[in-house]
PDB file of N, CA and C in Angstrom:
ATOM      1  N   MET A   1       7.845  10.046   4.229  1.00  0.00           N
ATOM      2  CA  MET A   1       6.559  10.318   3.632  1.00  0.00           C
ATOM      3  C   MET A   1       6.544  11.776   3.220  1.00  0.00           C
ATOM      4  N   LEU A   2       6.137  12.032   1.989  1.00  0.00           N
ATOM      5  CA  LEU A   2       6.023  13.389   1.485  1.00  0.00           C
ATOM      6  C   LEU A   2       4.764  13.484   0.642  1.00  0.00           C
ATOM      7  N   LEU A   3       3.704  13.973   1.260  1.00  0.00           N
ATOM      8  CA  LEU A   3       2.436  14.153   0.553  1.00  0.00           C
ATOM      9  C   LEU A   3       2.063  15.622   0.626  1.00  0.00           C
ATOM     10  N   ASP A   4       2.318  16.342  -0.440  1.00  0.00           N
ATOM     11  CA  ASP A   4       1.958  17.753  -0.483  1.00  0.00           C
ATOM     12  C   ASP A   4       0.446  17.887  -0.527  1.00  0.00           C
ATOM     13  N   GLY A   5      -0.115  18.639   0.397  1.00  0.00           N
ATOM     14  CA  GLY A   5      -1.546  18.892   0.404  1.00  0.00           C
ATOM     15  C   GLY A   5      -2.396  17.779   0.979  1.00  0.00           C
ATOM     16  N   TYR A   6      -1.789  16.864   1.740  1.00  0.00           N
ATOM     17  CA  TYR A   6      -2.546  15.725   2.275  1.00  0.00           C
ATOM     18  C   TYR A   6      -3.775  16.175   3.058  1.00  0.00           C
ATOM     19  N   SER A   7      -3.636  17.201   3.878  1.00  0.00           N
ATOM     20  CA  SER A   7      -4.770  17.621   4.717  1.00  0.00           C
ATOM     21  C   SER A   7      -5.928  18.168   3.887  1.00  0.00           C
ATOM     22  N   SER A   8      -5.661  18.589   2.651  1.00  0.00           N
ATOM     23  CA  SER A   8      -6.747  19.071   1.799  1.00  0.00           C
ATOM     24  C   SER A   8      -7.195  18.005   0.788  1.00  0.00           C
ATOM     25  N   ALA A   9      -6.619  16.810   0.864  1.00  0.00           N
ATOM     26  CA  ALA A   9      -7.015  15.717  -0.033  1.00  0.00           C
ATOM     27  C   ALA A   9      -8.437  15.279   0.303  1.00  0.00           C
ATOM     28  N   PRO A  10      -9.136  14.724  -0.672  1.00  0.00           N
ATOM     29  CA  PRO A  10     -10.477  14.207  -0.390  1.00  0.00           C
ATOM     30  C   PRO A  10     -10.431  13.213   0.780  1.00  0.00           C
ATOM     31  N   GLU A  11     -11.468  13.251   1.603  1.00  0.00           N
ATOM     32  CA  GLU A  11     -11.517  12.385   2.781  1.00  0.00           C
ATOM     33  C   GLU A  11     -11.378  10.910   2.420  1.00  0.00           C
ATOM     34  N   ALA A  12     -12.005  10.498   1.328  1.00  0.00           N
ATOM     35  CA  ALA A  12     -11.912   9.086   0.919  1.00  0.00           C
ATOM     36  C   ALA A  12     -10.468   8.701   0.606  1.00  0.00           C
ATOM     37  N   LEU A  13      -9.709   9.601  -0.007  1.00  0.00           N
ATOM     38  CA  LEU A  13      -8.310   9.325  -0.304  1.00  0.00           C
ATOM     39  C   LEU A  13      -7.493   9.243   0.981  1.00  0.00           C
ATOM     40  N   GLN A  14      -7.707  10.175   1.894  1.00  0.00           N
ATOM     41  CA  GLN A  14      -6.994  10.131   3.176  1.00  0.00           C
ATOM     42  C   GLN A  14      -7.259   8.815   3.905  1.00  0.00           C
ATOM     43  N   ARG A  15      -8.516   8.431   3.968  1.00  0.00           N
ATOM     44  CA  ARG A  15      -8.894   7.190   4.644  1.00  0.00           C
ATOM     45  C   ARG A  15      -8.297   5.977   3.922  1.00  0.00           C
ATOM     46  N   GLY A  16      -8.314   6.001   2.594  1.00  0.00           N
ATOM     47  CA  GLY A  16      -7.746   4.907   1.811  1.00  0.00           C
ATOM     48  C   GLY A  16      -6.256   4.757   2.030  1.00  0.00           C
ATOM     49  N   ILE A  17      -5.533   5.865   2.022  1.00  0.00           N
ATOM     50  CA  ILE A  17      -4.084   5.822   2.260  1.00  0.00           C
ATOM     51  C   ILE A  17      -3.807   5.237   3.644  1.00  0.00           C
ATOM     52  N   PHE A  18      -4.554   5.694   4.635  1.00  0.00           N
ATOM     53  CA  PHE A  18      -4.360   5.204   5.998  1.00  0.00           C
ATOM     54  C   PHE A  18      -4.605   3.695   6.089  1.00  0.00           C
ATOM     55  N   ARG A  19      -5.745   3.229   5.564  1.00  0.00           N
ATOM     56  CA  ARG A  19      -6.102   1.810   5.679  1.00  0.00           C
ATOM     57  C   ARG A  19      -5.168   0.913   4.865  1.00  0.00           C
ATOM     58  N   ILE A  20      -4.784   1.344   3.664  1.00  0.00           N
ATOM     59  CA  ILE A  20      -3.861   0.550   2.851  1.00  0.00           C
ATOM     60  C   ILE A  20      -2.507   0.456   3.544  1.00  0.00           C
ATOM     61  N   THR A  21      -2.017   1.562   4.065  1.00  0.00           N
ATOM     62  CA  THR A  21      -0.737   1.553   4.772  1.00  0.00           C
ATOM     63  C   THR A  21      -0.813   0.663   6.002  1.00  0.00           C
ATOM     64  N   GLN A  22      -1.888   0.768   6.746  1.00  0.00           N
ATOM     65  CA  GLN A  22      -2.082  -0.055   7.941  1.00  0.00           C
ATOM     66  C   GLN A  22      -2.055  -1.543   7.593  1.00  0.00           C
ATOM     67  N   GLU A  23      -2.769  -1.934   6.567  1.00  0.00           N
ATOM     68  CA  GLU A  23      -2.815  -3.348   6.170  1.00  0.00           C
ATOM     69  C   GLU A  23      -1.460  -3.814   5.640  1.00  0.00           C
ATOM     70  N   ALA A  24      -0.800  -2.974   4.850  1.00  0.00           N
ATOM     71  CA  ALA A  24       0.506  -3.349   4.297  1.00  0.00           C
ATOM     72  C   ALA A  24       1.542  -3.560   5.406  1.00  0.00           C
ATOM     73  N   LEU A  25       1.540  -2.694   6.401  1.00  0.00           N
ATOM     74  CA  LEU A  25       2.498  -2.837   7.500  1.00  0.00           C
ATOM     75  C   LEU A  25       2.138  -4.011   8.402  1.00  0.00           C
ATOM     76  N   THR A  26       0.848  -4.277   8.578  1.00  0.00           N
ATOM     77  CA  THR A  26       0.420  -5.459   9.332  1.00  0.00           C
ATOM     78  C   THR A  26       0.896  -6.725   8.632  1.00  0.00           C
ATOM     79  N   ASN A  27       0.755  -6.771   7.301  1.00  0.00           N
ATOM     80  CA  ASN A  27       1.229  -7.923   6.539  1.00  0.00           C
ATOM     81  C   ASN A  27       2.737  -8.104   6.700  1.00  0.00           C
ATOM     82  N   ALA A  28       3.475  -7.005   6.660  1.00  0.00           N
ATOM     83  CA  ALA A  28       4.932  -7.104   6.822  1.00  0.00           C
ATOM     84  C   ALA A  28       5.275  -7.647   8.206  1.00  0.00           C
ATOM     85  N   LEU A  29       4.583  -7.185   9.214  1.00  0.00           N
ATOM     86  CA  LEU A  29       4.833  -7.661  10.572  1.00  0.00           C
ATOM     87  C   LEU A  29       4.555  -9.158  10.686  1.00  0.00           C
ATOM     88  N   ARG A  30       3.498  -9.614  10.054  1.00  0.00           N
ATOM     89  CA  ARG A  30       3.115 -11.031  10.129  1.00  0.00           C
ATOM     90  C   ARG A  30       3.989 -11.936   9.272  1.00  0.00           C
ATOM     91  N   HIS A  31       4.424 -11.448   8.116  1.00  0.00           N
ATOM     92  CA  HIS A  31       5.014 -12.348   7.129  1.00  0.00           C
ATOM     93  C   HIS A  31       6.481 -12.118   6.803  1.00  0.00           C
ATOM     94  N   SER A  32       7.064 -10.992   7.195  1.00  0.00           N
ATOM     95  CA  SER A  32       8.466 -10.775   6.833  1.00  0.00           C
ATOM     96  C   SER A  32       9.381 -11.578   7.749  1.00  0.00           C
ATOM     97  N   SER A  33      10.516 -11.954   7.217  1.00  0.00           N
ATOM     98  CA  SER A  33      11.441 -12.773   7.997  1.00  0.00           C
ATOM     99  C   SER A  33      12.082 -11.988   9.139  1.00  0.00           C
ATOM    100  N   ASP A  34      12.203 -10.668   8.996  1.00  0.00           N
ATOM    101  CA  ASP A  34      12.819  -9.867  10.061  1.00  0.00           C
ATOM    102  C   ASP A  34      11.841  -8.889  10.712  1.00  0.00           C
ATOM    103  N   ARG A  35      10.542  -9.017  10.391  1.00  0.00           N
ATOM    104  CA  ARG A  35       9.481  -8.190  10.979  1.00  0.00           C
ATOM    105  C   ARG A  35       9.752  -6.696  10.805  1.00  0.00           C
ATOM    106  N   ALA A  36      10.283  -6.343   9.634  1.00  0.00           N
ATOM    107  CA  ALA A  36      10.579  -4.947   9.319  1.00  0.00           C
ATOM    108  C   ALA A  36      10.105  -4.658   7.901  1.00  0.00           C
ATOM    109  N   ALA A  37       9.885  -3.383   7.621  1.00  0.00           N
ATOM    110  CA  ALA A  37       9.444  -2.997   6.281  1.00  0.00           C
ATOM    111  C   ALA A  37       9.964  -1.611   5.957  1.00  0.00           C
ATOM    112  N   ASP A  38      10.164  -1.375   4.682  1.00  0.00           N
ATOM    113  CA  ASP A  38      10.444  -0.033   4.177  1.00  0.00           C
ATOM    114  C   ASP A  38       9.138   0.480   3.593  1.00  0.00           C
ATOM    115  N   CYS A  39       8.765   1.692   3.962  1.00  0.00           N
ATOM    116  CA  CYS A  39       7.506   2.265   3.490  1.00  0.00           C
ATOM    117  C   CYS A  39       7.794   3.658   2.935  1.00  0.00           C
ATOM    118  N   ARG A  40       7.241   3.927   1.761  1.00  0.00           N
ATOM    119  CA  ARG A  40       7.437   5.230   1.110  1.00  0.00           C
ATOM    120  C   ARG A  40       6.091   5.674   0.559  1.00  0.00           C
ATOM    121  N   ILE A  41       5.697   6.887   0.899  1.00  0.00           N
ATOM    122  CA  ILE A  41       4.448   7.455   0.389  1.00  0.00           C
ATOM    123  C   ILE A  41       4.765   8.842  -0.140  1.00  0.00           C
ATOM    124  N   VAL A  42       4.496   9.049  -1.414  1.00  0.00           N
ATOM    125  CA  VAL A  42       4.732  10.352  -2.035  1.00  0.00           C
ATOM    126  C   VAL A  42       3.527  10.715  -2.885  1.00  0.00           C
ATOM    127  N   GLY A  43       3.330  12.009  -3.086  1.00  0.00           N
ATOM    128  CA  GLY A  43       2.252  12.421  -3.963  1.00  0.00           C
ATOM    129  C   GLY A  43       1.882  13.876  -3.809  1.00  0.00           C
ATOM    130  N   ASP A  44       1.025  14.292  -4.706  1.00  0.00           N
ATOM    131  CA  ASP A  44       0.472  15.632  -4.682  1.00  0.00           C
ATOM    132  C   ASP A  44      -0.765  15.630  -5.582  1.00  0.00           C
ATOM    133  N   PRO A  45      -1.535  16.711  -5.571  1.00  0.00           N
ATOM    134  CA  PRO A  45      -2.780  16.727  -6.346  1.00  0.00           C
ATOM    135  C   PRO A  45      -2.582  16.506  -7.853  1.00  0.00           C
ATOM    136  N   GLU A  46      -1.453  16.916  -8.403  1.00  0.00           N
ATOM    137  CA  GLU A  46      -1.228  16.779  -9.837  1.00  0.00           C
ATOM    138  C   GLU A  46      -0.832  15.363 -10.242  1.00  0.00           C
ATOM    139  N   ARG A  47      -0.036  14.691  -9.430  1.00  0.00           N
ATOM    140  CA  ARG A  47       0.487  13.368  -9.797  1.00  0.00           C
ATOM    141  C   ARG A  47      -0.220  12.212  -9.110  1.00  0.00           C
ATOM    142  N   GLY A  48      -1.053  12.478  -8.122  1.00  0.00           N
ATOM    143  CA  GLY A  48      -1.673  11.410  -7.359  1.00  0.00           C
ATOM    144  C   GLY A  48      -0.730  10.905  -6.285  1.00  0.00           C
ATOM    145  N   VAL A  49      -1.000   9.724  -5.776  1.00  0.00           N
ATOM    146  CA  VAL A  49      -0.250   9.172  -4.645  1.00  0.00           C
ATOM    147  C   VAL A  49       0.369   7.840  -5.045  1.00  0.00           C
ATOM    148  N   ARG A  50       1.614   7.639  -4.639  1.00  0.00           N
ATOM    149  CA  ARG A  50       2.281   6.350  -4.821  1.00  0.00           C
ATOM    150  C   ARG A  50       2.746   5.880  -3.445  1.00  0.00           C
ATOM    151  N   LEU A  51       2.312   4.686  -3.092  1.00  0.00           N
ATOM    152  CA  LEU A  51       2.666   4.070  -1.810  1.00  0.00           C
ATOM    153  C   LEU A  51       3.432   2.792  -2.123  1.00  0.00           C
ATOM    154  N   GLU A  52       4.612   2.632  -1.527  1.00  0.00           N
ATOM    155  CA  GLU A  52       5.423   1.439  -1.746  1.00  0.00           C
ATOM    156  C   GLU A  52       5.845   0.863  -0.397  1.00  0.00           C
ATOM    157  N   VAL A  53       5.660  -0.435  -0.248  1.00  0.00           N
ATOM    158  CA  VAL A  53       6.091  -1.140   0.960  1.00  0.00           C
ATOM    159  C   VAL A  53       6.879  -2.368   0.514  1.00  0.00           C
ATOM    160  N   SER A  54       8.068  -2.522   1.087  1.00  0.00           N
ATOM    161  CA  SER A  54       8.918  -3.678   0.785  1.00  0.00           C
ATOM    162  C   SER A  54       9.344  -4.321   2.091  1.00  0.00           C
ATOM    163  N   SER A  55       9.394  -5.646   2.088  1.00  0.00           N
ATOM    164  CA  SER A  55       9.869  -6.363   3.270  1.00  0.00           C
ATOM    165  C   SER A  55      10.584  -7.628   2.835  1.00  0.00           C
ATOM    166  N   ARG A  56      11.470  -8.089   3.681  1.00  0.00           N
ATOM    167  CA  ARG A  56      12.269  -9.273   3.403  1.00  0.00           C
ATOM    168  C   ARG A  56      11.462 -10.527   3.727  1.00  0.00           C
ATOM    169  N   SER A  57      11.656 -11.539   2.921  1.00  0.00           N
ATOM    170  CA  SER A  57      11.017 -12.824   3.205  1.00  0.00           C
ATOM    171  C   SER A  57      12.069 -13.912   3.118  1.00  0.00           C
ATOM    172  N   SER A  58      11.769 -15.039   3.717  1.00  0.00           N
ATOM    173  CA  SER A  58      12.711 -16.153   3.641  1.00  0.00           C
ATOM    174  C   SER A  58      12.498 -16.947   2.361  1.00  0.00           C
ATOM    175  N   GLY A  59      11.564 -16.524   1.546  1.00  0.00           N
ATOM    176  CA  GLY A  59      11.262 -17.182   0.277  1.00  0.00           C
ATOM    177  C   GLY A  59       9.799 -17.018  -0.032  1.00  0.00           C
ATOM    178  N   PRO A  60       9.378 -17.357  -1.239  1.00  0.00           N
ATOM    179  CA  PRO A  60       7.973 -17.176  -1.620  1.00  0.00           C
ATOM    180  C   PRO A  60       7.002 -17.902  -0.703  1.00  0.00           C
ATOM    181  N   SER A  61       7.409 -19.016  -0.113  1.00  0.00           N
ATOM    182  CA  SER A  61       6.488 -19.769   0.729  1.00  0.00           C
ATOM    183  C   SER A  61       6.132 -19.035   2.014  1.00  0.00           C
ATOM    184  N   THR A  62       6.936 -18.063   2.421  1.00  0.00           N
ATOM    185  CA  THR A  62       6.646 -17.299   3.628  1.00  0.00           C
ATOM    186  C   THR A  62       5.268 -16.656   3.542  1.00  0.00           C
ATOM    187  N   PHE A  63       4.896 -16.191   2.372  1.00  0.00           N
ATOM    188  CA  PHE A  63       3.641 -15.486   2.210  1.00  0.00           C
ATOM    189  C   PHE A  63       2.480 -16.430   1.926  1.00  0.00           C
ATOM    190  N   ALA A  64       2.756 -17.694   1.690  1.00  0.00           N
ATOM    191  CA  ALA A  64       1.695 -18.645   1.374  1.00  0.00           C
ATOM    192  C   ALA A  64       0.868 -19.016   2.596  1.00  0.00           C
ATOM    193  N   GLY A  65       1.374 -18.748   3.799  1.00  0.00           N
ATOM    194  CA  GLY A  65       0.666 -19.132   5.008  1.00  0.00           C
ATOM    195  C   GLY A  65      -0.521 -18.257   5.334  1.00  0.00           C
ATOM    196  N   GLY A  66      -0.591 -17.068   4.733  1.00  0.00           N
ATOM    197  CA  GLY A  66      -1.697 -16.179   5.022  1.00  0.00           C
ATOM    198  C   GLY A  66      -2.926 -16.529   4.198  1.00  0.00           C
ATOM    199  N   SER A  67      -4.028 -15.917   4.566  1.00  0.00           N
ATOM    200  CA  SER A  67      -5.278 -16.177   3.843  1.00  0.00           C
ATOM    201  C   SER A  67      -5.345 -15.401   2.538  1.00  0.00           C
ATOM    202  N   GLY A  68      -4.533 -14.351   2.415  1.00  0.00           N
ATOM    203  CA  GLY A  68      -4.554 -13.536   1.204  1.00  0.00           C
ATOM    204  C   GLY A  68      -5.592 -12.438   1.230  1.00  0.00           C
ATOM    205  N   THR A  69      -6.424 -12.386   2.270  1.00  0.00           N
ATOM    206  CA  THR A  69      -7.484 -11.386   2.298  1.00  0.00           C
ATOM    207  C   THR A  69      -6.936  -9.975   2.483  1.00  0.00           C
ATOM    208  N   GLY A  70      -5.783  -9.841   3.120  1.00  0.00           N
ATOM    209  CA  GLY A  70      -5.183  -8.512   3.290  1.00  0.00           C
ATOM    210  C   GLY A  70      -4.829  -7.889   1.958  1.00  0.00           C
ATOM    211  N   LEU A  71      -4.178  -8.657   1.099  1.00  0.00           N
ATOM    212  CA  LEU A  71      -3.807  -8.155  -0.225  1.00  0.00           C
ATOM    213  C   LEU A  71      -5.036  -7.947  -1.101  1.00  0.00           C
ATOM    214  N   ILE A  72      -6.020  -8.819  -0.959  1.00  0.00           N
ATOM    215  CA  ILE A  72      -7.268  -8.645  -1.716  1.00  0.00           C
ATOM    216  C   ILE A  72      -7.929  -7.333  -1.294  1.00  0.00           C
ATOM    217  N   GLY A  73      -7.961  -7.084   0.001  1.00  0.00           N
ATOM    218  CA  GLY A  73      -8.554  -5.847   0.509  1.00  0.00           C
ATOM    219  C   GLY A  73      -7.817  -4.612   0.027  1.00  0.00           C
ATOM    220  N   ILE A  74      -6.477  -4.681  -0.023  1.00  0.00           N
ATOM    221  CA  ILE A  74      -5.688  -3.560  -0.528  1.00  0.00           C
ATOM    222  C   ILE A  74      -6.027  -3.310  -1.993  1.00  0.00           C
ATOM    223  N   ARG A  75      -6.061  -4.366  -2.777  1.00  0.00           N
ATOM    224  CA  ARG A  75      -6.393  -4.207  -4.211  1.00  0.00           C
ATOM    225  C   ARG A  75      -7.793  -3.626  -4.391  1.00  0.00           C
ATOM    226  N   GLU A  76      -8.757  -4.155  -3.647  1.00  0.00           N
ATOM    227  CA  GLU A  76     -10.132  -3.665  -3.769  1.00  0.00           C
ATOM    228  C   GLU A  76     -10.243  -2.203  -3.369  1.00  0.00           C
ATOM    229  N   ARG A  77      -9.591  -1.822  -2.278  1.00  0.00           N
ATOM    230  CA  ARG A  77      -9.644  -0.426  -1.826  1.00  0.00           C
ATOM    231  C   ARG A  77      -9.003   0.495  -2.866  1.00  0.00           C
ATOM    232  N   ALA A  78      -7.866   0.075  -3.413  1.00  0.00           N
ATOM    233  CA  ALA A  78      -7.206   0.884  -4.440  1.00  0.00           C
ATOM    234  C   ALA A  78      -8.111   1.048  -5.660  1.00  0.00           C
ATOM    235  N   GLU A  79      -8.748  -0.030  -6.091  1.00  0.00           N
ATOM    236  CA  GLU A  79      -9.640   0.025  -7.258  1.00  0.00           C
ATOM    237  C   GLU A  79     -10.852   0.912  -6.996  1.00  0.00           C
ATOM    238  N   LEU A  80     -11.403   0.864  -5.784  1.00  0.00           N
ATOM    239  CA  LEU A  80     -12.541   1.717  -5.443  1.00  0.00           C
ATOM    240  C   LEU A  80     -12.176   3.201  -5.531  1.00  0.00           C
ATOM    241  N   LEU A  81     -10.901   3.495  -5.309  1.00  0.00           N
ATOM    242  CA  LEU A  81     -10.425   4.883  -5.383  1.00  0.00           C
ATOM    243  C   LEU A  81      -9.935   5.231  -6.788  1.00  0.00           C
ATOM    244  N   GLY A  82     -10.078   4.301  -7.732  1.00  0.00           N
ATOM    245  CA  GLY A  82      -9.652   4.563  -9.102  1.00  0.00           C
ATOM    246  C   GLY A  82      -8.192   4.251  -9.359  1.00  0.00           C
ATOM    247  N   GLY A  83      -7.558   3.532  -8.435  1.00  0.00           N
ATOM    248  CA  GLY A  83      -6.143   3.227  -8.564  1.00  0.00           C
ATOM    249  C   GLY A  83      -5.884   1.747  -8.769  1.00  0.00           C
ATOM    250  N   ARG A  84      -4.673   1.345  -8.450  1.00  0.00           N
ATOM    251  CA  ARG A  84      -4.295  -0.060  -8.610  1.00  0.00           C
ATOM    252  C   ARG A  84      -3.225  -0.430  -7.594  1.00  0.00           C
ATOM    253  N   ALA A  85      -3.131  -1.728  -7.332  1.00  0.00           N
ATOM    254  CA  ALA A  85      -2.123  -2.270  -6.420  1.00  0.00           C
ATOM    255  C   ALA A  85      -1.458  -3.454  -7.103  1.00  0.00           C
ATOM    256  N   ASP A  86      -0.135  -3.490  -7.071  1.00  0.00           N
ATOM    257  CA  ASP A  86       0.631  -4.581  -7.664  1.00  0.00           C
ATOM    258  C   ASP A  86       1.549  -5.179  -6.610  1.00  0.00           C
ATOM    259  N   VAL A  87       1.691  -6.500  -6.650  1.00  0.00           N
ATOM    260  CA  VAL A  87       2.542  -7.230  -5.718  1.00  0.00           C
ATOM    261  C   VAL A  87       3.562  -8.036  -6.505  1.00  0.00           C
ATOM    262  N   THR A  88       4.809  -7.995  -6.074  1.00  0.00           N
ATOM    263  CA  THR A  88       5.843  -8.838  -6.674  1.00  0.00           C
ATOM    264  C   THR A  88       6.686  -9.459  -5.572  1.00  0.00           C
ATOM    265  N   HIS A  89       7.256 -10.620  -5.887  1.00  0.00           N
ATOM    266  CA  HIS A  89       8.221 -11.291  -5.017  1.00  0.00           C
ATOM    267  C   HIS A  89       9.472 -11.512  -5.857  1.00  0.00           C
ATOM    268  N   GLU A  90      10.606 -11.023  -5.384  1.00  0.00           N
ATOM    269  CA  GLU A  90      11.853 -11.269  -6.094  1.00  0.00           C
ATOM    270  C   GLU A  90      13.025 -11.140  -5.132  1.00  0.00           C
ATOM    271  N   ASP A  91      14.008 -11.991  -5.323  1.00  0.00           N
ATOM    272  CA  ASP A  91      15.219 -11.977  -4.488  1.00  0.00           C
ATOM    273  C   ASP A  91      14.900 -11.924  -3.001  1.00  0.00           C
ATOM    274  N   HIS A  92      13.993 -12.763  -2.556  1.00  0.00           N
ATOM    275  CA  HIS A  92      13.607 -12.853  -1.153  1.00  0.00           C
ATOM    276  C   HIS A  92      13.046 -11.534  -0.609  1.00  0.00           C
ATOM    277  N   MET A  93      12.437 -10.758  -1.498  1.00  0.00           N
ATOM    278  CA  MET A  93      11.794  -9.513  -1.096  1.00  0.00           C
ATOM    279  C   MET A  93      10.351  -9.507  -1.593  1.00  0.00           C
ATOM    280  N   PHE A  94       9.479  -8.948  -0.776  1.00  0.00           N
ATOM    281  CA  PHE A  94       8.080  -8.750  -1.115  1.00  0.00           C
ATOM    282  C   PHE A  94       7.916  -7.266  -1.381  1.00  0.00           C
ATOM    283  N   HIS A  95       7.293  -6.907  -2.507  1.00  0.00           N
ATOM    284  CA  HIS A  95       7.094  -5.501  -2.868  1.00  0.00           C
ATOM    285  C   HIS A  95       5.617  -5.252  -3.156  1.00  0.00           C
ATOM    286  N   LEU A  96       5.077  -4.225  -2.530  1.00  0.00           N
ATOM    287  CA  LEU A  96       3.717  -3.776  -2.793  1.00  0.00           C
ATOM    288  C   LEU A  96       3.817  -2.353  -3.319  1.00  0.00           C
ATOM    289  N   ARG A  97       3.175  -2.106  -4.442  1.00  0.00           N
ATOM    290  CA  ARG A  97       3.142  -0.753  -4.995  1.00  0.00           C
ATOM    291  C   ARG A  97       1.689  -0.392  -5.279  1.00  0.00           C
ATOM    292  N   VAL A  98       1.262   0.709  -4.711  1.00  0.00           N
ATOM    293  CA  VAL A  98      -0.117   1.184  -4.881  1.00  0.00           C
ATOM    294  C   VAL A  98      -0.066   2.574  -5.500  1.00  0.00           C
ATOM    295  N   GLU A  99      -0.853   2.769  -6.539  1.00  0.00           N
ATOM    296  CA  GLU A  99      -0.969   4.083  -7.177  1.00  0.00           C
ATOM    297  C   GLU A  99      -2.422   4.513  -7.110  1.00  0.00           C
ATOM    298  N   LEU A 100      -2.632   5.732  -6.611  1.00  0.00           N
ATOM    299  CA  LEU A 100      -3.987   6.264  -6.436  1.00  0.00           C
ATOM    300  C   LEU A 100      -4.088   7.651  -7.051  1.00  0.00           C
ATOM    301  N   PRO A 101      -5.174   7.933  -7.757  1.00  0.00           N
ATOM    302  CA  PRO A 101      -5.375   9.287  -8.240  1.00  0.00           C
ATOM    303  C   PRO A 101      -5.797  10.176  -7.064  1.00  0.00           C
ATOM    304  N   TRP A 102      -5.488  11.446  -7.157  1.00  0.00           N
ATOM    305  CA  TRP A 102      -5.884  12.377  -6.097  1.00  0.00           C
ATOM    306  C   TRP A 102      -7.400  12.470  -6.031  1.00  0.00           C
ATOM    307  N   GLY A 103      -8.025  12.455  -7.192  1.00  0.00           N
ATOM    308  CA  GLY A 103      -9.484  12.442  -7.249  1.00  0.00           C
ATOM    309  C   GLY A 103     -10.117  13.788  -7.009  1.00  0.00           C
ATOM    310  N   PRO A 104     -11.405  13.879  -7.277  1.00  0.00           N
ATOM    311  CA  PRO A 104     -12.109  15.129  -7.059  1.00  0.00           C
ATOM    312  C   PRO A 104     -12.298  15.384  -5.561  1.00  0.00           C
ATOM    313  N   PRO A 105     -12.401  16.646  -5.172  1.00  0.00           N
ATOM    314  CA  PRO A 105     -12.643  16.945  -3.758  1.00  0.00           C
ATOM    315  C   PRO A 105     -14.005  16.426  -3.310  1.00  0.00           C
ATOM    316  N   ASP A 106     -14.124  16.180  -2.028  1.00  0.00           N
ATOM    317  CA  ASP A 106     -15.421  15.751  -1.472  1.00  0.00           C
ATOM    318  C   ASP A 106     -16.439  16.858  -1.666  1.00  0.00           C
ATOM    319  N   PRO A 107     -17.700  16.509  -1.901  1.00  0.00           N
ATOM    320  CA  PRO A 107     -18.750  17.531  -2.071  1.00  0.00           C
ATOM    321  C   PRO A 107     -19.017  18.276  -0.775  1.00  0.00           C
TER     322      PRO A 107
END
């Protein structure tokens, strides 16, 4: 993880990064075939934040057992912060990519 200036980031962004990461890792623990995940968080005030989580699956059906509310919550939280979240499944891998703007400082 490399976030330049994280401690001076707006509180909403800090909280969003924490909650999105928490949910993404919880999903990996519940749904990955080996209960492991790769997580990368990078960013700074000029470029915003990019969070990526990848985990192995035994196939697309592995993720069908969940309710989907975790991913919905991640997308909604990212959108509330002015960002976006994308999910892909390929080659027995699940990939989550979240992009968030740094945003204005808290008042």
